[in-house]
Amino acid sequence: MTDCRSKKRKKTARLMLTTCVALGLALTVGVRAAHADDIPRPRVPGPLEVEDGNEVFRVGHGVGTQNYVCATSTTSLTGFAFSLFTPQATLFDDGGDQLITHFFSPNTDPHVQPPEFGTIRVTWEDSRDTSRVWAFLVQQSLDEKFVRKDAVAWLLLKESGVDVGPTGGDRLTKTTFIQRINTAGGLAPTTGCSTFGDVGRRAFVPYSADYFFYKKSPLNNR
């Protein structure tokens, strides 16, 4: 009888030890996962590389339209051309959850130097805390090794202003650079804008792209 009880106690002890070890491993993995937020930089044409001292902190898969309006043009053979007046897109994470909206808006950041005084800039707004980042174009690429012929250019943009949300949200205020890559569609129409009668005509062209958001690396924040 004593021998049976002893075996039961040993079996229970082994079971508890195994459970504790498993729980410890799970917690360790959980801690690692919580801190394993390093997102690798994407492969891009050389001119679109982000300068050292910055790291990716957020990625969004954008779906929407590039919106054009027919206007007079000094570079078109006909004297008219479609001009982009705003992108209109929603960025999602890998699970399909909405992250950010994307459009044009006036830069109202009063702290940016030099001041922009409401200059219209490409804009991203966080879908949860409504923090914003404005940016200007640094470089674009149509390198055929990367960019599809039927797609808008890949871009490198630099932050030109930020704004917290109404409750102090700051998800996007740390942004330093943004890359638009893996584009599909979005090119301006090649017809429908060649006479005065076409001026003002709008075209909403579907597109998709991946957006990589960068921030200063921790060592560069000291």
Protein backbone atom coordinates (compact mmCIF):
# COMPACT_ATOMS: atom_id res chain seq x y z
CA MET A 1 0.00 0.00 0.00
CA THR A 2 2.80 2.37 0.96
CA ASP A 3 4.61 1.48 -2.25
CA CYS A 4 1.55 2.40 -4.34
CA ARG A 5 1.19 5.75 -2.62
CA SER A 6 4.88 6.47 -3.15
CA LYS A 7 4.55 5.72 -6.87
CA LYS A 8 1.52 8.01 -7.11
CA ARG A 9 3.38 10.84 -5.37
CA LYS A 10 6.36 10.44 -7.70
CA LYS A 11 4.08 10.39 -10.74
CA THR A 12 2.30 13.53 -9.53
CA ALA A 13 5.60 15.27 -8.87
CA ARG A 14 6.86 14.43 -12.36
CA LEU A 15 3.61 15.73 -13.85
CA MET A 16 3.87 18.98 -11.89
CA LEU A 17 7.51 19.40 -12.90
CA THR A 18 6.66 18.82 -16.56
CA THR A 19 3.79 21.32 -16.35
CA CYS A 20 5.99 23.95 -14.71
CA VAL A 21 8.73 23.50 -17.29
CA ALA A 22 6.20 23.77 -20.11
CA LEU A 23 4.66 26.86 -18.54
CA GLY A 24 8.10 28.40 -18.10
CA LEU A 25 8.94 27.77 -21.73
CA ALA A 26 5.62 29.23 -22.81
CA LEU A 27 6.23 32.36 -20.77
CA THR A 28 9.73 32.68 -22.16
CA VAL A 29 8.47 32.35 -25.70
CA GLY A 30 5.71 34.83 -24.90
CA VAL A 31 8.22 37.38 -23.63
CA ARG A 32 10.40 36.88 -26.68
CA ALA A 33 7.43 37.21 -28.99
CA ALA A 34 6.34 40.38 -27.25
CA HIS A 35 9.74 41.93 -27.86
CA ALA A 36 10.44 40.37 -31.26
CA ASP A 37 9.01 43.32 -33.10
CA ASP A 38 11.98 43.89 -35.37
CA ILE A 39 10.63 44.02 -38.92
CA PRO A 40 13.25 43.48 -41.63
CA ARG A 41 13.81 46.19 -44.20
CA PRO A 42 12.34 45.38 -47.61
CA ARG A 43 14.50 44.94 -50.68
CA VAL A 44 14.21 48.13 -52.74
CA PRO A 45 16.10 50.01 -55.49
CA GLY A 46 19.17 51.80 -54.10
CA PRO A 47 17.73 55.33 -54.22
CA LEU A 48 14.81 54.24 -52.02
CA GLU A 49 16.96 52.94 -49.18
CA VAL A 50 16.30 54.64 -45.83
CA GLU A 51 19.38 56.14 -44.19
CA ASP A 52 21.09 54.32 -41.33
CA GLY A 53 19.81 55.04 -37.85
CA ASN A 54 16.19 54.22 -38.73
CA GLU A 55 14.23 51.01 -38.38
CA VAL A 56 10.88 49.68 -39.58
CA PHE A 57 8.21 49.73 -36.90
CA ARG A 58 5.01 49.26 -38.88
CA VAL A 59 3.84 47.79 -42.18
CA GLY A 60 0.46 48.26 -43.87
CA HIS A 61 -0.98 46.67 -46.99
CA GLY A 62 -2.83 49.45 -48.80
CA VAL A 63 -5.86 49.04 -51.06
CA GLY A 64 -7.71 51.93 -52.67
CA THR A 65 -7.60 54.30 -55.61
CA GLN A 66 -5.29 56.89 -57.11
CA ASN A 67 -7.61 59.78 -57.95
CA TYR A 68 -6.89 61.96 -60.99
CA VAL A 69 -8.43 65.05 -62.54
CA CYS A 70 -7.98 66.27 -66.11
CA ALA A 71 -6.23 69.64 -66.26
CA THR A 72 -4.14 71.75 -68.61
CA SER A 73 -0.52 70.66 -68.87
CA THR A 74 2.69 72.27 -70.14
CA THR A 75 4.40 68.91 -70.63
CA SER A 76 1.71 66.98 -72.49
CA LEU A 77 1.67 66.98 -76.31
CA THR A 78 -2.05 67.75 -76.28
CA GLY A 79 -1.77 70.44 -73.61
CA PHE A 80 -3.90 68.39 -71.21
CA ALA A 81 -3.18 65.54 -68.80
CA PHE A 82 -4.59 63.74 -65.80
CA SER A 83 -3.08 65.02 -62.54
CA LEU A 84 -3.22 63.27 -59.18
CA PHE A 85 -5.38 65.16 -56.70
CA THR A 86 -5.38 62.57 -53.91
CA PRO A 87 -4.80 58.93 -53.11
CA GLN A 88 -7.63 57.30 -51.19
CA ALA A 89 -6.64 54.07 -49.51
CA THR A 90 -6.96 51.95 -46.40
CA LEU A 91 -4.00 50.08 -44.94
CA PHE A 92 -4.47 46.67 -43.32
CA ASP A 93 -2.27 44.31 -41.32
CA ASP A 94 -1.61 40.68 -42.25
CA GLY A 95 -4.77 39.62 -40.42
CA GLY A 96 -6.98 41.98 -42.39
CA ASP A 97 -7.52 44.46 -39.57
CA GLN A 98 -7.64 48.13 -40.54
CA LEU A 99 -4.59 50.14 -39.47
CA ILE A 100 -4.40 53.46 -41.29
CA THR A 101 -6.16 55.65 -43.84
CA HIS A 102 -4.22 57.42 -46.58
CA PHE A 103 -5.02 60.67 -48.43
CA PHE A 104 -3.88 64.26 -49.05
CA SER A 105 -4.40 66.99 -46.43
CA PRO A 106 -2.89 70.33 -45.31
CA ASN A 107 0.09 70.02 -42.97
CA THR A 108 -1.02 71.76 -39.78
CA ASP A 109 1.96 70.80 -37.61
CA PRO A 110 3.04 74.14 -36.03
CA HIS A 111 6.36 72.72 -34.79
CA VAL A 112 7.83 71.53 -38.08
CA GLN A 113 10.80 73.56 -39.32
CA PRO A 114 10.59 75.27 -41.67
CA PRO A 115 6.85 75.86 -41.18
CA GLU A 116 4.62 74.53 -43.96
CA PHE A 117 1.63 76.80 -43.32
CA GLY A 118 -0.96 74.28 -44.49
CA THR A 119 0.94 72.91 -47.49
CA ILE A 120 -0.97 69.96 -48.96
CA ARG A 121 0.97 66.80 -48.23
CA VAL A 122 0.45 63.08 -48.56
CA THR A 123 -1.03 61.95 -45.25
CA TRP A 124 -1.48 58.84 -43.14
CA GLU A 125 -3.92 58.75 -40.21
CA ASP A 126 -4.03 55.98 -37.62
CA SER A 127 -7.44 54.32 -37.60
CA ARG A 128 -7.50 53.95 -33.81
CA ASP A 129 -5.96 57.04 -32.25
CA THR A 130 -6.17 59.37 -35.33
CA SER A 131 -2.54 60.47 -34.96
CA ARG A 132 -1.17 61.72 -38.29
CA VAL A 133 2.03 61.96 -40.25
CA TRP A 134 2.60 64.15 -43.31
CA ALA A 135 5.44 63.47 -45.72
CA PHE A 136 7.11 64.78 -48.86
CA LEU A 137 8.65 62.87 -51.75
CA VAL A 138 12.38 62.22 -51.54
CA GLN A 139 12.81 59.80 -54.43
CA GLN A 140 10.78 57.59 -56.74
CA SER A 141 11.69 54.57 -58.83
CA LEU A 142 10.34 52.80 -61.89
CA ASP A 143 13.23 50.33 -61.90
CA GLU A 144 11.92 47.45 -64.01
CA LYS A 145 13.70 44.95 -61.75
CA PHE A 146 11.25 45.92 -59.02
CA VAL A 147 8.30 47.86 -60.41
CA ARG A 148 5.61 46.40 -62.64
CA LYS A 149 5.01 48.21 -65.92
CA ASP A 150 1.31 48.63 -65.13
CA ALA A 151 1.93 50.07 -61.66
CA VAL A 152 2.64 53.41 -60.05
CA ALA A 153 6.19 54.11 -58.95
CA TRP A 154 7.79 52.94 -55.74
CA LEU A 155 8.47 55.86 -53.41
CA LEU A 156 10.65 57.04 -50.55
CA LEU A 157 9.04 59.80 -48.48
CA LYS A 158 10.26 61.77 -45.49
CA GLU A 159 8.22 63.05 -42.56
CA SER A 160 7.33 66.74 -42.79
CA GLY A 161 4.97 67.00 -39.82
CA VAL A 162 3.07 64.96 -37.25
CA ASP A 163 0.06 65.43 -35.02
CA VAL A 164 -1.29 63.53 -32.03
CA GLY A 165 -4.88 62.37 -31.87
CA PRO A 166 -7.55 64.21 -29.82
CA THR A 167 -6.83 62.00 -26.79
CA GLY A 168 -3.05 62.14 -27.16
CA GLY A 169 -2.63 59.11 -29.42
CA ASP A 170 0.83 58.97 -30.94
CA ARG A 171 1.13 55.76 -32.95
CA LEU A 172 2.33 57.57 -36.07
CA THR A 173 4.12 60.55 -34.54
CA LYS A 174 7.43 58.66 -34.33
CA THR A 175 7.55 58.21 -38.13
CA THR A 176 10.71 59.43 -39.90
CA PHE A 177 10.43 57.84 -43.35
CA ILE A 178 7.87 55.89 -45.38
CA GLN A 179 8.41 53.57 -48.33
CA ARG A 180 5.68 52.70 -50.83
CA ILE A 181 6.59 49.44 -52.56
CA ASN A 182 5.06 46.36 -54.22
CA THR A 183 2.66 48.54 -56.17
CA ALA A 184 -0.02 47.27 -58.55
CA GLY A 185 -2.23 49.44 -60.75
CA GLY A 186 -2.91 53.11 -60.08
CA LEU A 187 -1.52 54.63 -63.28
CA ALA A 188 -3.25 57.67 -64.73
CA PRO A 189 -5.54 56.94 -67.70
CA THR A 190 -4.00 57.42 -71.14
CA THR A 191 -7.27 58.54 -72.73
CA GLY A 192 -10.12 60.86 -71.83
CA CYS A 193 -8.10 64.02 -71.26
CA SER A 194 -7.14 65.74 -74.50
CA THR A 195 -9.44 68.74 -74.99
CA PHE A 196 -10.89 71.67 -73.05
CA GLY A 197 -14.09 69.71 -72.83
CA ASP A 198 -12.29 67.07 -70.74
CA VAL A 199 -10.96 69.51 -68.13
CA GLY A 200 -12.33 68.62 -64.71
CA ARG A 201 -13.05 65.01 -65.59
CA ARG A 202 -12.07 62.69 -62.78
CA ALA A 203 -10.73 59.14 -62.84
CA PHE A 204 -10.51 56.82 -59.82
CA VAL A 205 -7.95 54.14 -60.61
CA PRO A 206 -7.68 51.07 -58.32
CA TYR A 207 -4.26 50.29 -56.88
CA SER A 208 -2.55 48.43 -54.07
CA ALA A 209 0.82 48.86 -52.35
CA ASP A 210 2.76 48.02 -49.22
CA TYR A 211 3.77 50.86 -46.90
CA PHE A 212 6.76 50.56 -44.56
CA PHE A 213 6.95 53.08 -41.72
CA TYR A 214 10.33 53.89 -40.13
CA LYS A 215 11.31 55.48 -36.83
CA LYS A 216 14.61 56.44 -35.24
CA SER A 217 16.49 53.41 -33.92
CA PRO A 218 16.71 53.31 -30.09
CA LEU A 219 20.45 54.09 -30.11
CA ASN A 220 19.74 57.24 -32.07
CA ASN A 221 17.16 58.48 -29.56
CA ARG A 222 19.68 58.89 -26.76
